């Protein structure tokens, strides 16, 4: 009896699996907190040069005398969205008669505290000539996510899912708390890299354990539902950021609850599939018996035997490039993974450029993910993968592009239109992120599915590394146009990726390709009867041979991490 048959016997998603799935979904909340917390840690408040020799200078106007000093020493900004220049001041004395127009760079700044009381940026003065360091720091964080996905993913195949998950918990707790006391930029970046590594390891391993305990008919559903918890984490982060408005307290508050994950050692079992792949049949039997007992199902004492061990597939990534059809499809899939990740995280990081209330915008960016995932659950099997993904990417991209007009040509009274369009773009990106996982897993032939999904996930990480630079284009391009450029870039990339995805075949209600030859023929009009729709659809892309189990590399999880 194969392990999927055992799951059908004891219950594909019984009480035992539901309890563990809920506990593992808590990891998704924690991951969300730290994936986007840089919005609060690395936020750049509006600033200007500090007045030399004026000890109590603040960004806010204190008195008419203070205003006169500012007007005398600080030149007006060339950016129409700002009153004063950010990085220069007139080379004049405080009380002299000289009216020199010569400008000089300053070395000390004062910051607007209406949104943030302080951030790591304002504390370390990472502005003006150093302003791109914030993008570098966020790129380094997503680099850590890439390393964690690959490194800890491979480690979980060697030492097991449970030990890797616990190691990720320890690394996350230590690195996140360490960030709050980072004394300088380099230390901050190193610790944030480790946070990214830990987040990837934690979320990915928790996802794999959960998916390996769920029956095949429930895995698509389980893979999307966990994203709701990620959205919950974003909403919580917005509340924490608003409550404190100080980066250290926000970081500590989001980090401290991770100590509760240390209790998981006594609640989360090792993955039975991994135990089977290692030949540890007796240990796997004990977990299965416990699951059956909790699910109130009676099964034989030794339901699992050595025959349950399934041989892993032998395909390699380079096999996807051996024919023109597979090459084109693979490159389109890679591009869509990179773009959807770039757009999703880019829109989250770009919240501060939308105008209006920063915290309301961030809260909305989390809330809109709930209807996005609901849309996927309702329409994924009704309209198909290709149409749903392309519609989300194209319509979401168009919404982002259209923000150009209200941001440049409209006044503040139409600012809600800008936010609404940006949120529609976020809905599209979030929904497309969920769809591309299911769709690409079905498109790759079984023999190369693990390799293909692992490479796709790596492309998503690269997209995440690019996102901060695009989101921060407003620091390089001044004015309302600079605020609009990131949204236009994200929107254009999304539209292009969505159009390209229309060249991929539909997989809904179809037998899926198993061999490379099947993959080459899949979706063609002259395809054999094998690929015609069938009513008793069972998505084998999420069976054990698809990389969920057998000790195969689990980096192919279809998540944001």
Foldseek 3Di string as FASTA:
>chain_A
DAPLVLCVQLDQCFPLLVVLLVVLLLLLLLLLLLLQLLLLQVPDFQKAAFQPPPVPDAPDQDDPLSVVQCPQWFPADPFPVGGTDHFWTFPDDRDDPDRGPDIDGHDAMHGDPPQFVDHNCNVAVCDDVNVCLSLVLQLLLLVLLLCLLFVLLLVCLPPFLLVLLLVLLVLLLVLLLVLLVDPDSVSNSVSSSSNSSSSNSNSLSSLLLSLLSGRQQCNLVSLLVSVLSSLVSLLVLLVLCRVHSYSSSSSCVSNVVSVVVNVCSVPRDTRLLSCLLVVVQLSSLVVSVVSSVSSVGDDDSRPDDNVNQDDAFDDAPCLLVPDPLSNLVLVLLLLLLLLLLLLQSLLLSLLVLLDDRSSVLSNLLSVLLVVLSVCCVVPCQPPFLLVLLLCLLQQLLVLLQVLLCCLPPNDPVCSVSSSVSSSSNNSSSSNNLSSSLLFLLQLDALNCLLNSLLSSLSSSSVSSSCNSVLSCQCSVDRYSNSSSRSSNVSSVSSNVSSVSSNPGATQRQFDGHHDSVSSSQARDPPRDPRGDGDDVDRRCSSPCSVQSGSSGRSSSRSDSD
